[in-house]
Full PDB file with SEQRES, HELIX, SHEET, SSBOND, CRYST1, ORIGX, SCALE, CONECT and MASTER records, all heavy atoms in Angstrom:
SEQRES   1 A   35  THR LEU LEU ASP PRO GLU PRO LEU THR ALA THR LEU ARG          
SEQRES   2 A   35  ARG MET ILE THR PHE GLU ASP ILE HIS GLY ASN VAL ALA          
SEQRES   3 A   35  ASP PRO GLU VAL ALA LEU ARG ALA CYS                          
HELIX    1 AA1 PRO A    7  MET A   15  1                                   9    
HELIX    2 AA2 PHE A   18  ALA A   26  1                                   9    
CRYST1    1.000    1.000    1.000  90.00  90.00  90.00 P 1           1          
ORIGX1      1.000000  0.000000  0.000000        0.00000                         
ORIGX2      0.000000  1.000000  0.000000        0.00000                         
ORIGX3      0.000000  0.000000  1.000000        0.00000                         
SCALE1      1.000000  0.000000  0.000000        0.00000                         
SCALE2      0.000000  1.000000  0.000000        0.00000                         
SCALE3      0.000000  0.000000  1.000000        0.00000                         
ATOM      1  N   THR A   1       0.835  -1.200   0.000  1.00  0.00           N  
ATOM      2  CA  THR A   1       0.000   0.000   0.000  1.00  0.00           C  
ATOM      3  C   THR A   1       0.867   1.246   0.000  1.00  0.00           C  
ATOM      4  O   THR A   1       2.073   1.173   0.271  1.00  0.00           O  
ATOM      5  CB  THR A   1      -0.910   0.005   1.254  1.00  0.00           C  
ATOM      6  OG1 THR A   1      -1.762   1.146   1.226  1.00  0.00           O  
ATOM      7  CG2 THR A   1      -0.073   0.053   2.527  1.00  0.00           C  
ATOM      8  N   LEU A   2       0.264   2.399  -0.299  1.00  0.00           N  
ATOM      9  CA  LEU A   2       0.950   3.676  -0.166  1.00  0.00           C  
ATOM     10  C   LEU A   2       0.545   4.395   1.111  1.00  0.00           C  
ATOM     11  O   LEU A   2       1.347   5.095   1.722  1.00  0.00           O  
ATOM     12  CB  LEU A   2       0.645   4.569  -1.380  1.00  0.00           C  
ATOM     13  CG  LEU A   2       1.254   4.131  -2.717  1.00  0.00           C  
ATOM     14  CD1 LEU A   2       0.842   5.112  -3.810  1.00  0.00           C  
ATOM     15  CD2 LEU A   2       2.774   4.038  -2.626  1.00  0.00           C  
ATOM     16  N   LEU A   3      -0.717   4.234   1.508  1.00  0.00           N  
ATOM     17  CA  LEU A   3      -1.230   4.889   2.708  1.00  0.00           C  
ATOM     18  C   LEU A   3      -1.630   3.832   3.734  1.00  0.00           C  
ATOM     19  O   LEU A   3      -1.909   2.684   3.379  1.00  0.00           O  
ATOM     20  CB  LEU A   3      -2.433   5.779   2.364  1.00  0.00           C  
ATOM     21  CG  LEU A   3      -2.170   6.891   1.345  1.00  0.00           C  
ATOM     22  CD1 LEU A   3      -3.472   7.596   0.989  1.00  0.00           C  
ATOM     23  CD2 LEU A   3      -1.153   7.888   1.882  1.00  0.00           C  
ATOM     24  N   ASP A   4      -1.700   4.243   4.987  1.00  0.00           N  
ATOM     25  CA  ASP A   4      -2.024   3.319   6.064  1.00  0.00           C  
ATOM     26  C   ASP A   4      -3.377   3.688   6.683  1.00  0.00           C  
ATOM     27  O   ASP A   4      -3.489   4.651   7.439  1.00  0.00           O  
ATOM     28  CB  ASP A   4      -0.926   3.387   7.134  1.00  0.00           C  
ATOM     29  CG  ASP A   4      -1.188   2.434   8.298  1.00  0.00           C  
ATOM     30  OD1 ASP A   4      -2.187   1.683   8.245  1.00  0.00           O  
ATOM     31  OD2 ASP A   4      -0.397   2.449   9.259  1.00  0.00           O  
ATOM     32  N   PRO A   5      -4.446   2.910   6.349  1.00  0.00           N  
ATOM     33  CA  PRO A   5      -5.781   3.236   6.869  1.00  0.00           C  
ATOM     34  C   PRO A   5      -6.119   2.556   8.191  1.00  0.00           C  
ATOM     35  O   PRO A   5      -7.297   2.386   8.515  1.00  0.00           O  
ATOM     36  CB  PRO A   5      -6.696   2.729   5.753  1.00  0.00           C  
ATOM     37  CG  PRO A   5      -5.971   1.512   5.249  1.00  0.00           C  
ATOM     38  CD  PRO A   5      -4.493   1.803   5.376  1.00  0.00           C  
ATOM     39  N   GLU A   6      -5.135   2.182   8.961  1.00  0.00           N  
ATOM     40  CA  GLU A   6      -5.385   1.479  10.218  1.00  0.00           C  
ATOM     41  C   GLU A   6      -6.351   2.229  11.144  1.00  0.00           C  
ATOM     42  O   GLU A   6      -7.219   1.607  11.771  1.00  0.00           O  
ATOM     43  CB  GLU A   6      -4.062   1.214  10.942  1.00  0.00           C  
ATOM     44  CG  GLU A   6      -4.221   0.495  12.268  1.00  0.00           C  
ATOM     45  CD  GLU A   6      -4.893  -0.867  12.129  1.00  0.00           C  
ATOM     46  OE1 GLU A   6      -4.714  -1.509  11.072  1.00  0.00           O  
ATOM     47  OE2 GLU A   6      -5.600  -1.282  13.064  1.00  0.00           O  
ATOM     48  N   PRO A   7      -6.269   3.577  11.258  1.00  0.00           N  
ATOM     49  CA  PRO A   7      -7.208   4.267  12.160  1.00  0.00           C  
ATOM     50  C   PRO A   7      -8.668   4.123  11.763  1.00  0.00           C  
ATOM     51  O   PRO A   7      -9.556   4.329  12.596  1.00  0.00           O  
ATOM     52  CB  PRO A   7      -6.766   5.738  12.067  1.00  0.00           C  
ATOM     53  CG  PRO A   7      -5.334   5.680  11.641  1.00  0.00           C  
ATOM     54  CD  PRO A   7      -5.245   4.498  10.736  1.00  0.00           C  
ATOM     55  N   LEU A   8      -8.934   3.782  10.506  1.00  0.00           N  
ATOM     56  CA  LEU A   8     -10.319   3.662  10.052  1.00  0.00           C  
ATOM     57  C   LEU A   8     -11.069   2.576  10.819  1.00  0.00           C  
ATOM     58  O   LEU A   8     -12.280   2.690  11.028  1.00  0.00           O  
ATOM     59  CB  LEU A   8     -10.347   3.367   8.547  1.00  0.00           C  
ATOM     60  CG  LEU A   8     -11.721   3.207   7.905  1.00  0.00           C  
ATOM     61  CD1 LEU A   8     -12.552   4.471   8.070  1.00  0.00           C  
ATOM     62  CD2 LEU A   8     -11.578   2.844   6.426  1.00  0.00           C  
ATOM     63  N   THR A   9     -10.362   1.547  11.251  1.00  0.00           N  
ATOM     64  CA  THR A   9     -11.013   0.453  11.979  1.00  0.00           C  
ATOM     65  C   THR A   9     -11.697   0.958  13.247  1.00  0.00           C  
ATOM     66  O   THR A   9     -12.884   0.688  13.487  1.00  0.00           O  
ATOM     67  CB  THR A   9      -9.981  -0.634  12.329  1.00  0.00           C  
ATOM     68  OG1 THR A   9      -9.404  -1.146  11.128  1.00  0.00           O  
ATOM     69  CG2 THR A   9     -10.636  -1.767  13.099  1.00  0.00           C  
ATOM     70  N   ALA A  10     -10.956   1.717  14.045  1.00  0.00           N  
ATOM     71  CA  ALA A  10     -11.539   2.249  15.285  1.00  0.00           C  
ATOM     72  C   ALA A  10     -12.642   3.256  14.989  1.00  0.00           C  
ATOM     73  O   ALA A  10     -13.645   3.323  15.719  1.00  0.00           O  
ATOM     74  CB  ALA A  10     -10.446   2.899  16.132  1.00  0.00           C  
ATOM     75  N   THR A  11     -12.480   4.032  13.936  1.00  0.00           N  
ATOM     76  CA  THR A  11     -13.500   5.024  13.575  1.00  0.00           C  
ATOM     77  C   THR A  11     -14.806   4.353  13.188  1.00  0.00           C  
ATOM     78  O   THR A  11     -15.893   4.792  13.586  1.00  0.00           O  
ATOM     79  CB  THR A  11     -12.984   5.913  12.433  1.00  0.00           C  
ATOM     80  OG1 THR A  11     -11.797   6.586  12.861  1.00  0.00           O  
ATOM     81  CG2 THR A  11     -14.028   6.938  12.019  1.00  0.00           C  
ATOM     82  N   LEU A  12     -14.716   3.282  12.407  1.00  0.00           N  
ATOM     83  CA  LEU A  12     -15.928   2.552  12.026  1.00  0.00           C  
ATOM     84  C   LEU A  12     -16.643   1.997  13.247  1.00  0.00           C  
ATOM     85  O   LEU A  12     -17.874   2.063  13.339  1.00  0.00           O  
ATOM     86  CB  LEU A  12     -15.564   1.415  11.069  1.00  0.00           C  
ATOM     87  CG  LEU A  12     -15.194   1.806   9.641  1.00  0.00           C  
ATOM     88  CD1 LEU A  12     -14.704   0.586   8.865  1.00  0.00           C  
ATOM     89  CD2 LEU A  12     -16.376   2.437   8.920  1.00  0.00           C  
ATOM     90  N   ARG A  13     -15.878   1.459  14.173  1.00  0.00           N  
ATOM     91  CA  ARG A  13     -16.495   0.898  15.377  1.00  0.00           C  
ATOM     92  C   ARG A  13     -17.164   1.973  16.218  1.00  0.00           C  
ATOM     93  O   ARG A  13     -18.173   1.717  16.881  1.00  0.00           O  
ATOM     94  CB  ARG A  13     -15.433   0.163  16.199  1.00  0.00           C  
ATOM     95  CG  ARG A  13     -14.917  -1.097  15.513  1.00  0.00           C  
ATOM     96  CD  ARG A  13     -13.720  -1.689  16.238  1.00  0.00           C  
ATOM     97  NE  ARG A  13     -13.235  -2.879  15.539  1.00  0.00           N  
ATOM     98  CZ  ARG A  13     -12.088  -3.489  15.838  1.00  0.00           C  
ATOM     99  NH1 ARG A  13     -11.313  -3.020  16.813  1.00  0.00           N  
ATOM    100  NH2 ARG A  13     -11.716  -4.562  15.161  1.00  0.00           N  
ATOM    101  N   ARG A  14     -16.607   3.173  16.181  1.00  0.00           N  
ATOM    102  CA  ARG A  14     -17.201   4.278  16.936  1.00  0.00           C  
ATOM    103  C   ARG A  14     -18.464   4.810  16.252  1.00  0.00           C  
ATOM    104  O   ARG A  14     -19.433   5.180  16.918  1.00  0.00           O  
ATOM    105  CB  ARG A  14     -16.179   5.409  17.082  1.00  0.00           C  
ATOM    106  CG  ARG A  14     -16.661   6.553  17.977  1.00  0.00           C  
ATOM    107  CD  ARG A  14     -15.603   7.622  18.138  1.00  0.00           C  
ATOM    108  NE  ARG A  14     -15.414   8.421  16.934  1.00  0.00           N  
ATOM    109  CZ  ARG A  14     -14.325   8.387  16.165  1.00  0.00           C  
ATOM    110  NH1 ARG A  14     -13.311   7.583  16.485  1.00  0.00           N  
ATOM    111  NH2 ARG A  14     -14.236   9.145  15.096  1.00  0.00           N  
ATOM    112  N   MET A  15     -18.462   4.831  14.949  1.00  0.00           N  
ATOM    113  CA  MET A  15     -19.570   5.410  14.185  1.00  0.00           C  
ATOM    114  C   MET A  15     -20.750   4.463  14.021  1.00  0.00           C  
ATOM    115  O   MET A  15     -21.907   4.898  13.969  1.00  0.00           O  
ATOM    116  CB  MET A  15     -19.087   5.833  12.793  1.00  0.00           C  
ATOM    117  CG  MET A  15     -18.146   7.009  12.747  1.00  0.00           C  
ATOM    118  SD  MET A  15     -17.557   7.313  11.041  1.00  0.00           S  
ATOM    119  CE  MET A  15     -19.110   7.479  10.144  1.00  0.00           C  
ATOM    120  N   ILE A  16     -20.462   3.176  13.886  1.00  0.00           N  
ATOM    121  CA  ILE A  16     -21.478   2.229  13.415  1.00  0.00           C  
ATOM    122  C   ILE A  16     -21.566   1.028  14.339  1.00  0.00           C  
ATOM    123  O   ILE A  16     -20.555   0.378  14.639  1.00  0.00           O  
ATOM    124  CB  ILE A  16     -21.142   1.742  11.987  1.00  0.00           C  
ATOM    125  CG1 ILE A  16     -21.054   2.922  11.018  1.00  0.00           C  
ATOM    126  CG2 ILE A  16     -22.168   0.733  11.505  1.00  0.00           C  
ATOM    127  CD1 ILE A  16     -20.316   2.617   9.742  1.00  0.00           C  
ATOM    128  N   THR A  17     -22.772   0.710  14.782  1.00  0.00           N  
ATOM    129  CA  THR A  17     -23.026  -0.536  15.501  1.00  0.00           C  
ATOM    130  C   THR A  17     -23.478  -1.559  14.458  1.00  0.00           C  
ATOM    131  O   THR A  17     -24.643  -1.584  14.045  1.00  0.00           O  
ATOM    132  CB  THR A  17     -24.112  -0.341  16.571  1.00  0.00           C  
ATOM    133  OG1 THR A  17     -23.730   0.734  17.447  1.00  0.00           O  
ATOM    134  CG2 THR A  17     -24.313  -1.613  17.380  1.00  0.00           C  
ATOM    135  N   PHE A  18     -22.554  -2.384  14.012  1.00  0.00           N  
ATOM    136  CA  PHE A  18     -22.823  -3.246  12.859  1.00  0.00           C  
ATOM    137  C   PHE A  18     -23.931  -4.254  13.131  1.00  0.00           C  
ATOM    138  O   PHE A  18     -24.672  -4.632  12.217  1.00  0.00           O  
ATOM    139  CB  PHE A  18     -21.533  -3.948  12.421  1.00  0.00           C  
ATOM    140  CG  PHE A  18     -20.585  -3.047  11.681  1.00  0.00           C  
ATOM    141  CD1 PHE A  18     -19.572  -2.382  12.347  1.00  0.00           C  
ATOM    142  CD2 PHE A  18     -20.738  -2.842  10.320  1.00  0.00           C  
ATOM    143  CE1 PHE A  18     -18.709  -1.542  11.667  1.00  0.00           C  
ATOM    144  CE2 PHE A  18     -19.881  -2.000   9.628  1.00  0.00           C  
ATOM    145  CZ  PHE A  18     -18.860  -1.345  10.303  1.00  0.00           C  
ATOM    146  N   GLU A  19     -24.067  -4.685  14.380  1.00  0.00           N  
ATOM    147  CA  GLU A  19     -25.143  -5.637  14.697  1.00  0.00           C  
ATOM    148  C   GLU A  19     -26.515  -5.049  14.404  1.00  0.00           C  
ATOM    149  O   GLU A  19     -27.464  -5.783  14.110  1.00  0.00           O  
ATOM    150  CB  GLU A  19     -25.059  -6.051  16.169  1.00  0.00           C  
ATOM    151  CG  GLU A  19     -23.814  -6.840  16.539  1.00  0.00           C  
ATOM    152  CD  GLU A  19     -22.596  -5.951  16.792  1.00  0.00           C  
ATOM    153  OE1 GLU A  19     -22.732  -4.714  16.673  1.00  0.00           O  
ATOM    154  OE2 GLU A  19     -21.521  -6.495  17.109  1.00  0.00           O  
ATOM    155  N   ASP A  20     -26.626  -3.725  14.467  1.00  0.00           N  
ATOM    156  CA  ASP A  20     -27.919  -3.085  14.231  1.00  0.00           C  
ATOM    157  C   ASP A  20     -28.353  -3.176  12.774  1.00  0.00           C  
ATOM    158  O   ASP A  20     -29.548  -3.070  12.472  1.00  0.00           O  
ATOM    159  CB  ASP A  20     -27.868  -1.617  14.661  1.00  0.00           C  
ATOM    160  CG  ASP A  20     -27.832  -1.454  16.170  1.00  0.00           C  
ATOM    161  OD1 ASP A  20     -28.069  -2.454  16.875  1.00  0.00           O  
ATOM    162  OD2 ASP A  20     -27.561  -0.331  16.648  1.00  0.00           O  
ATOM    163  N   ILE A  21     -27.397  -3.337  11.856  1.00  0.00           N  
ATOM    164  CA  ILE A  21     -27.777  -3.479  10.443  1.00  0.00           C  
ATOM    165  C   ILE A  21     -28.633  -4.727  10.268  1.00  0.00           C  
ATOM    166  O   ILE A  21     -29.739  -4.675   9.707  1.00  0.00           O  
ATOM    167  CB  ILE A  21     -26.529  -3.540   9.540  1.00  0.00           C  
ATOM    168  CG1 ILE A  21     -25.732  -2.242   9.629  1.00  0.00           C  
ATOM    169  CG2 ILE A  21     -26.944  -3.829   8.088  1.00  0.00           C  
ATOM    170  CD1 ILE A  21     -24.433  -2.253   8.840  1.00  0.00           C  
ATOM    171  N   HIS A  22     -28.126  -5.851  10.752  1.00  0.00           N  
ATOM    172  CA  HIS A  22     -28.897  -7.098  10.629  1.00  0.00           C  
ATOM    173  C   HIS A  22     -30.196  -7.014  11.422  1.00  0.00           C  
ATOM    174  O   HIS A  22     -31.249  -7.472  10.960  1.00  0.00           O  
ATOM    175  CB  HIS A  22     -28.072  -8.289  11.116  1.00  0.00           C  
ATOM    176  CG  HIS A  22     -28.798  -9.584  11.021  1.00  0.00           C  
ATOM    177  ND1 HIS A  22     -29.098 -10.197   9.819  1.00  0.00           N  
ATOM    178  CD2 HIS A  22     -29.323 -10.397  11.997  1.00  0.00           C  
ATOM    179  CE1 HIS A  22     -29.756 -11.314  10.049  1.00  0.00           C  
ATOM    180  NE2 HIS A  22     -29.919 -11.462  11.356  1.00  0.00           N  
ATOM    181  N   GLY A  23     -30.131  -6.405  12.604  1.00  0.00           N  
ATOM    182  CA  GLY A  23     -31.336  -6.264  13.405  1.00  0.00           C  
ATOM    183  C   GLY A  23     -32.405  -5.462  12.695  1.00  0.00           C  
ATOM    184  O   GLY A  23     -33.597  -5.809  12.740  1.00  0.00           O  
ATOM    185  N   ASN A  24     -32.016  -4.408  12.006  1.00  0.00           N  
ATOM    186  CA  ASN A  24     -32.980  -3.578  11.286  1.00  0.00           C  
ATOM    187  C   ASN A  24     -33.553  -4.295  10.070  1.00  0.00           C  
ATOM    188  O   ASN A  24     -34.742  -4.168   9.760  1.00  0.00           O  
ATOM    189  CB  ASN A  24     -32.325  -2.264  10.858  1.00  0.00           C  
ATOM    190  CG  ASN A  24     -32.103  -1.323  12.013  1.00  0.00           C  
ATOM    191  OD1 ASN A  24     -32.806  -1.385  13.023  1.00  0.00           O  
ATOM    192  ND2 ASN A  24     -31.122  -0.444  11.906  1.00  0.00           N  
ATOM    193  N   VAL A  25     -32.700  -5.062   9.367  1.00  0.00           N  
ATOM    194  CA  VAL A  25     -33.205  -5.826   8.219  1.00  0.00           C  
ATOM    195  C   VAL A  25     -34.212  -6.875   8.679  1.00  0.00           C  
ATOM    196  O   VAL A  25     -35.236  -7.107   8.021  1.00  0.00           O  
ATOM    197  CB  VAL A  25     -32.033  -6.494   7.456  1.00  0.00           C  
ATOM    198  CG1 VAL A  25     -32.572  -7.457   6.398  1.00  0.00           C  
ATOM    199  CG2 VAL A  25     -31.147  -5.439   6.802  1.00  0.00           C  
ATOM    200  N   ALA A  26     -33.937  -7.507   9.829  1.00  0.00           N  
ATOM    201  CA  ALA A  26     -34.802  -8.584  10.313  1.00  0.00           C  
ATOM    202  C   ALA A  26     -36.074  -8.074  10.990  1.00  0.00           C  
ATOM    203  O   ALA A  26     -37.041  -8.832  11.123  1.00  0.00           O  
ATOM    204  CB  ALA A  26     -34.019  -9.467  11.301  1.00  0.00           C  
ATOM    205  N   ASP A  27     -36.097  -6.821  11.393  1.00  0.00           N  
ATOM    206  CA  ASP A  27     -37.234  -6.277  12.136  1.00  0.00           C  
ATOM    207  C   ASP A  27     -38.312  -5.787  11.177  1.00  0.00           C  
ATOM    208  O   ASP A  27     -38.095  -4.846  10.418  1.00  0.00           O  
ATOM    209  CB  ASP A  27     -36.758  -5.109  13.008  1.00  0.00           C  
ATOM    210  CG  ASP A  27     -37.841  -4.614  13.964  1.00  0.00           C  
ATOM    211  OD1 ASP A  27     -39.024  -4.966  13.773  1.00  0.00           O  
ATOM    212  OD2 ASP A  27     -37.491  -3.861  14.898  1.00  0.00           O  
ATOM    213  N   PRO A  28     -39.496  -6.405  11.169  1.00  0.00           N  
ATOM    214  CA  PRO A  28     -40.557  -5.981  10.243  1.00  0.00           C  
ATOM    215  C   PRO A  28     -41.062  -4.567  10.517  1.00  0.00           C  
ATOM    216  O   PRO A  28     -41.710  -3.962   9.657  1.00  0.00           O  
ATOM    217  CB  PRO A  28     -41.658  -7.020  10.458  1.00  0.00           C  
ATOM    218  CG  PRO A  28     -41.396  -7.584  11.821  1.00  0.00           C  
ATOM    219  CD  PRO A  28     -39.918  -7.536  12.004  1.00  0.00           C  
ATOM    220  N   GLU A  29     -40.777  -4.043  11.712  1.00  0.00           N  
ATOM    221  CA  GLU A  29     -41.211  -2.688  12.031  1.00  0.00           C  
ATOM    222  C   GLU A  29     -40.285  -1.624  11.446  1.00  0.00           C  
ATOM    223  O   GLU A  29     -40.606  -0.439  11.443  1.00  0.00           O  
ATOM    224  CB  GLU A  29     -41.273  -2.511  13.558  1.00  0.00           C  
ATOM    225  CG  GLU A  29     -42.256  -3.432  14.247  1.00  0.00           C  
ATOM    226  CD  GLU A  29     -43.683  -3.176  13.766  1.00  0.00           C  
ATOM    227  OE1 GLU A  29     -44.051  -1.990  13.610  1.00  0.00           O  
ATOM    228  OE2 GLU A  29     -44.413  -4.160  13.550  1.00  0.00           O  
ATOM    229  N   VAL A  30     -39.112  -2.033  10.981  1.00  0.00           N  
ATOM    230  CA  VAL A  30     -38.150  -1.109  10.384  1.00  0.00           C  
ATOM    231  C   VAL A  30     -38.216  -1.251   8.870  1.00  0.00           C  
ATOM    232  O   VAL A  30     -38.152  -2.351   8.338  1.00  0.00           O  
ATOM    233  CB  VAL A  30     -36.712  -1.395  10.876  1.00  0.00           C  
ATOM    234  CG1 VAL A  30     -35.710  -0.465  10.195  1.00  0.00           C  
ATOM    235  CG2 VAL A  30     -36.632  -1.237  12.393  1.00  0.00           C  
ATOM    236  N   ALA A  31     -38.320  -0.138   8.178  1.00  0.00           N  
ATOM    237  CA  ALA A  31     -38.448  -0.166   6.719  1.00  0.00           C  
ATOM    238  C   ALA A  31     -37.077  -0.311   6.071  1.00  0.00           C  
ATOM    239  O   ALA A  31     -36.536   0.621   5.468  1.00  0.00           O  
ATOM    240  CB  ALA A  31     -39.139   1.100   6.230  1.00  0.00           C  
ATOM    241  N   LEU A  32     -36.487  -1.506   6.201  1.00  0.00           N  
ATOM    242  CA  LEU A  32     -35.205  -1.779   5.560  1.00  0.00           C  
ATOM    243  C   LEU A  32     -35.242  -3.187   4.981  1.00  0.00           C  
ATOM    244  O   LEU A  32     -35.194  -4.173   5.705  1.00  0.00           O  
ATOM    245  CB  LEU A  32     -34.056  -1.645   6.562  1.00  0.00           C  
ATOM    246  CG  LEU A  32     -32.643  -1.850   5.995  1.00  0.00           C  
ATOM    247  CD1 LEU A  32     -32.309  -0.780   4.955  1.00  0.00           C  
ATOM    248  CD2 LEU A  32     -31.598  -1.840   7.102  1.00  0.00           C  
ATOM    249  N   ARG A  33     -35.352  -3.257   3.664  1.00  0.00           N  
ATOM    250  CA  ARG A  33     -35.403  -4.567   3.013  1.00  0.00           C  
ATOM    251  C   ARG A  33     -34.022  -5.192   2.895  1.00  0.00           C  
ATOM    252  O   ARG A  33     -33.864  -6.405   3.042  1.00  0.00           O  
ATOM    253  CB  ARG A  33     -35.981  -4.437   1.603  1.00  0.00           C  
ATOM    254  CG  ARG A  33     -37.363  -3.864   1.514  1.00  0.00           C  
ATOM    255  CD  ARG A  33     -37.879  -3.968   0.092  1.00  0.00           C  
ATOM    256  NE  ARG A  33     -39.060  -3.143  -0.107  1.00  0.00           N  
ATOM    257  CZ  ARG A  33     -39.981  -3.367  -1.032  1.00  0.00           C  
ATOM    258  NH1 ARG A  33     -39.849  -4.382  -1.850  1.00  0.00           N  
ATOM    259  NH2 ARG A  33     -41.019  -2.562  -1.157  1.00  0.00           N  
ATOM    260  N   ALA A  34     -33.025  -4.379   2.555  1.00  0.00           N  
ATOM    261  CA  ALA A  34     -31.697  -4.930   2.303  1.00  0.00           C  
ATOM    262  C   ALA A  34     -30.645  -3.850   2.456  1.00  0.00           C  
ATOM    263  O   ALA A  34     -30.880  -2.671   2.177  1.00  0.00           O  
ATOM    264  CB  ALA A  34     -31.622  -5.531   0.901  1.00  0.00           C  
ATOM    265  N   CYS A  35     -29.469  -4.286   2.915  1.00  0.00           N  
ATOM    266  CA  CYS A  35     -28.270  -3.441   2.916  1.00  0.00           C  
ATOM    267  C   CYS A  35     -27.172  -4.234   2.224  1.00  0.00           C  
ATOM    268  O   CYS A  35     -27.005  -5.427   2.495  1.00  0.00           O  
ATOM    269  CB  CYS A  35     -27.856  -3.092   4.343  1.00  0.00           C  
ATOM    270  SG  CYS A  35     -26.258  -2.245   4.450  1.00  0.00           S  
TER     271      CYS A  35                                                      
MASTER        0    0    0    2    0    0    0    6  270    1    0    3          
END                                                                             
């Protein structure tokens, strides 16, 4: 690589609760068919 994106890992974890994506897709009360 030319650049080092290692800090992005911690930033993603801070910004996004990834478990909620699947939870929202599976929840019929949430209007999310697919991500």
